[in-house]
């Protein structure tokens, strides 16, 4: 059994670990004046090339789950000399622009790549065209998606005519391509 004094110490250590696991702060300083949030992606990339320190983008406000990430919600910072960005974090405009937050992103913290996703091309319950192609043969049908998906995602779709549920890949134009099974 744990003594009461050790229990309190254990609880404080567990609380500290939970707070640290909530997000890793970016050890950085502002890369410039407050105009960085108003610059375009091309201007930010050009400025990144000119500066000597490693420059990253972090949220300048809370970004909530399901919200599309825009450059206006990001702040450009230069990492303190000797500090490097951790692996598996998105810090460039190309990695973040137009993506959707999967979880809450806090200001001043790195953005884990696991916390962002591509925007959905098809929503759940959307009417879509389903295509099957084999050589010169192309069959099309109407369907309803049973789950949302981005380009390249495998989603389940119900064929409106037959009622059968099939899996297919979301294409860039929002149609669903199915293969032979």
Protein backbone atom coordinates (compact mmCIF):
# COMPACT_ATOMS: atom_id res chain seq x y z
CA UNK A 1 0.00 0.00 0.00
CA UNK A 2 1.25 3.51 -0.81
CA UNK A 3 1.78 5.91 2.09
CA UNK A 4 -0.40 9.08 2.03
CA UNK A 5 2.65 11.34 1.51
CA UNK A 6 3.78 9.30 -1.50
CA UNK A 7 0.22 9.25 -2.89
CA UNK A 8 0.22 13.07 -3.02
CA UNK A 9 3.62 13.09 -4.74
CA UNK A 10 2.42 10.46 -7.21
CA UNK A 11 -0.70 12.52 -8.03
CA UNK A 12 1.37 15.66 -8.62
CA UNK A 13 3.73 13.74 -10.92
CA UNK A 14 0.78 12.27 -12.84
CA UNK A 15 -0.78 15.76 -13.20
CA UNK A 16 2.51 17.20 -14.46
CA UNK A 17 2.82 14.41 -17.04
CA UNK A 18 -0.75 15.00 -18.20
CA UNK A 19 -0.09 18.72 -18.63
CA UNK A 20 3.11 18.08 -20.60
CA UNK A 21 1.40 15.48 -22.81
CA UNK A 22 -1.23 18.11 -23.75
CA UNK A 23 1.15 19.65 -26.24
CA UNK A 24 4.77 20.49 -26.74
CA UNK A 25 5.44 24.22 -26.73
CA UNK A 26 7.40 25.68 -29.58
CA UNK A 27 10.66 27.11 -28.23
CA UNK A 28 10.70 30.12 -30.43
CA UNK A 29 10.79 33.84 -30.78
CA UNK A 30 8.73 35.98 -33.13
CA UNK A 31 10.19 35.92 -36.63
CA UNK A 32 9.21 39.48 -37.34
CA UNK A 33 6.58 42.05 -36.61
CA UNK A 34 2.88 41.29 -36.30
CA UNK A 35 2.39 41.38 -40.07
CA UNK A 36 3.40 37.69 -40.41
CA UNK A 37 -0.21 36.57 -40.01
CA UNK A 38 -1.25 38.75 -42.95
CA UNK A 39 1.35 37.49 -45.43
CA UNK A 40 0.62 35.03 -48.22
CA UNK A 41 2.16 31.56 -48.35
CA UNK A 42 4.61 32.68 -51.08
CA UNK A 43 5.75 35.65 -49.02
CA UNK A 44 6.24 33.41 -45.98
CA UNK A 45 8.26 30.89 -48.01
CA UNK A 46 10.47 33.64 -49.43
CA UNK A 47 11.02 35.09 -45.99
CA UNK A 48 11.87 31.59 -44.65
CA UNK A 49 14.63 31.25 -47.23
CA UNK A 50 16.12 34.63 -46.29
CA UNK A 51 16.31 34.05 -42.55
CA UNK A 52 19.17 32.10 -41.02
CA UNK A 53 17.26 30.35 -38.17
CA UNK A 54 14.76 27.56 -38.59
CA UNK A 55 11.35 29.18 -39.13
CA UNK A 56 8.10 27.38 -38.32
CA UNK A 57 4.38 28.17 -38.27
CA UNK A 58 2.37 27.67 -35.07
CA UNK A 59 -1.22 28.64 -34.18
CA UNK A 60 -1.71 32.21 -32.93
CA UNK A 61 -5.18 31.34 -31.58
CA UNK A 62 -7.11 28.22 -30.60
CA UNK A 63 -8.09 26.14 -33.63
CA UNK A 64 -10.99 23.83 -32.85
CA UNK A 65 -11.64 20.31 -34.23
CA UNK A 66 -13.31 20.38 -37.63
CA UNK A 67 -12.08 23.92 -38.35
CA UNK A 68 -10.20 24.56 -41.59
CA UNK A 69 -6.68 25.88 -40.95
CA UNK A 70 -5.98 29.20 -42.66
CA UNK A 71 -2.72 31.13 -42.73
CA UNK A 72 -4.35 33.98 -40.79
CA UNK A 73 -4.67 31.62 -37.80
CA UNK A 74 -0.94 30.85 -37.85
CA UNK A 75 2.05 32.78 -36.60
CA UNK A 76 5.55 32.56 -38.01
CA UNK A 77 8.30 32.10 -35.41
CA UNK A 78 12.04 31.49 -35.51
CA UNK A 79 13.28 28.70 -33.28
CA UNK A 80 15.76 29.63 -30.57
CA UNK A 81 19.32 28.76 -31.68
CA UNK A 82 20.13 25.18 -30.76
CA UNK A 83 16.47 24.08 -30.77
CA UNK A 84 15.11 21.99 -33.62
CA UNK A 85 11.52 21.13 -34.39
CA UNK A 86 10.48 17.64 -33.32
CA UNK A 87 9.65 14.98 -35.89
CA UNK A 88 6.04 14.41 -36.96
CA UNK A 89 4.97 18.06 -36.72
CA UNK A 90 3.63 20.22 -39.54
CA UNK A 91 5.34 23.61 -39.66
CA UNK A 92 5.22 24.74 -43.30
CA UNK A 93 2.44 26.63 -45.08
CA UNK A 94 2.11 23.87 -47.71
CA UNK A 95 1.53 21.27 -44.98
CA UNK A 96 -1.14 23.31 -43.18
CA UNK A 97 -3.09 25.46 -45.66
CA UNK A 98 -6.59 24.08 -46.22
CA UNK A 99 -6.20 21.14 -43.82
CA UNK A 100 -8.76 20.46 -41.10
CA UNK A 101 -7.94 20.11 -37.39
CA UNK A 102 -8.78 16.71 -35.94
CA UNK A 103 -8.32 17.98 -32.38
CA UNK A 104 -7.90 21.30 -30.60
CA UNK A 105 -4.69 23.09 -31.60
CA UNK A 106 -3.37 25.46 -28.96
CA UNK A 107 -1.55 28.75 -29.56
CA UNK A 108 2.23 28.59 -29.27
CA UNK A 109 2.35 24.79 -29.68
CA UNK A 110 3.62 22.70 -32.55
CA UNK A 111 0.96 21.10 -34.76
CA UNK A 112 1.33 17.28 -34.84
CA UNK A 113 0.75 15.78 -38.29
CA UNK A 114 -1.62 13.30 -36.62
CA UNK A 115 -3.80 16.25 -35.51
CA UNK A 116 -4.64 17.40 -39.07
CA UNK A 117 -6.37 15.80 -42.03
CA UNK A 118 -7.35 16.68 -45.58
CA UNK A 119 -10.74 18.28 -46.08
CA UNK A 120 -13.54 15.86 -46.95
CA UNK A 121 -14.47 15.69 -50.64
CA UNK A 122 -17.60 13.68 -49.88
CA UNK A 123 -19.69 13.98 -46.74
CA UNK A 124 -21.64 11.20 -45.10
CA UNK A 125 -25.06 10.85 -46.75
CA UNK A 126 -24.03 12.66 -49.94
CA UNK A 127 -25.34 11.50 -53.30
CA UNK A 128 -22.40 10.39 -55.48
CA UNK A 129 -21.72 8.65 -58.78
CA UNK A 130 -20.13 5.22 -58.50
CA UNK A 131 -17.92 3.97 -61.35
CA UNK A 132 -16.53 0.54 -62.17
CA UNK A 133 -14.05 0.31 -65.04
CA UNK A 134 -12.57 -2.85 -66.56
CA UNK A 135 -10.77 -2.25 -69.85
CA UNK A 136 -13.20 -0.57 -72.25
CA UNK A 137 -16.20 -1.37 -70.02
CA UNK A 138 -17.45 1.36 -67.68
CA UNK A 139 -20.48 0.92 -65.43
CA UNK A 140 -21.92 3.81 -63.46
CA UNK A 141 -24.55 3.91 -60.74
CA UNK A 142 -25.91 6.33 -58.18
CA UNK A 143 -25.00 5.87 -54.56
CA UNK A 144 -25.11 7.40 -51.10
CA UNK A 145 -21.95 7.58 -48.99
CA UNK A 146 -22.09 5.93 -45.59
CA UNK A 147 -19.01 7.76 -44.32
CA UNK A 148 -17.07 10.91 -45.24
CA UNK A 149 -13.82 10.75 -47.19
CA UNK A 150 -11.01 12.74 -48.73
CA UNK A 151 -9.34 12.01 -52.07
CA UNK A 152 -7.81 8.53 -51.98
CA UNK A 153 -9.82 7.32 -48.95
CA UNK A 154 -11.66 4.01 -49.05
CA UNK A 155 -15.33 4.60 -48.12
CA UNK A 156 -18.49 2.54 -47.97
CA UNK A 157 -21.28 3.46 -50.37
CA UNK A 158 -24.84 2.15 -50.72
CA UNK A 159 -26.00 1.56 -54.29
CA UNK A 160 -29.34 3.38 -54.60
CA UNK A 161 -30.80 0.88 -57.11
CA UNK A 162 -29.81 -2.43 -55.49
CA UNK A 163 -29.34 -1.39 -51.86
CA UNK A 164 -25.99 -3.22 -51.76
CA UNK A 165 -23.16 -1.73 -49.72
CA UNK A 166 -19.85 -1.58 -51.57
CA UNK A 167 -16.44 -0.05 -50.85
CA UNK A 168 -14.76 2.34 -53.22
CA UNK A 169 -12.04 4.94 -53.45
CA UNK A 170 -12.89 8.65 -53.41
CA UNK A 171 -11.54 10.30 -56.56
CA UNK A 172 -10.42 13.92 -56.89
CA UNK A 173 -13.68 14.95 -58.56
CA UNK A 174 -15.85 13.51 -55.75
CA UNK A 175 -16.88 10.32 -57.55
CA UNK A 176 -16.33 6.84 -56.16
CA UNK A 177 -14.29 4.25 -58.09
CA UNK A 178 -14.92 0.60 -57.19
CA UNK A 179 -12.90 -2.42 -58.19
CA UNK A 180 -13.77 -6.04 -58.91
CA UNK A 181 -14.35 -8.17 -55.84
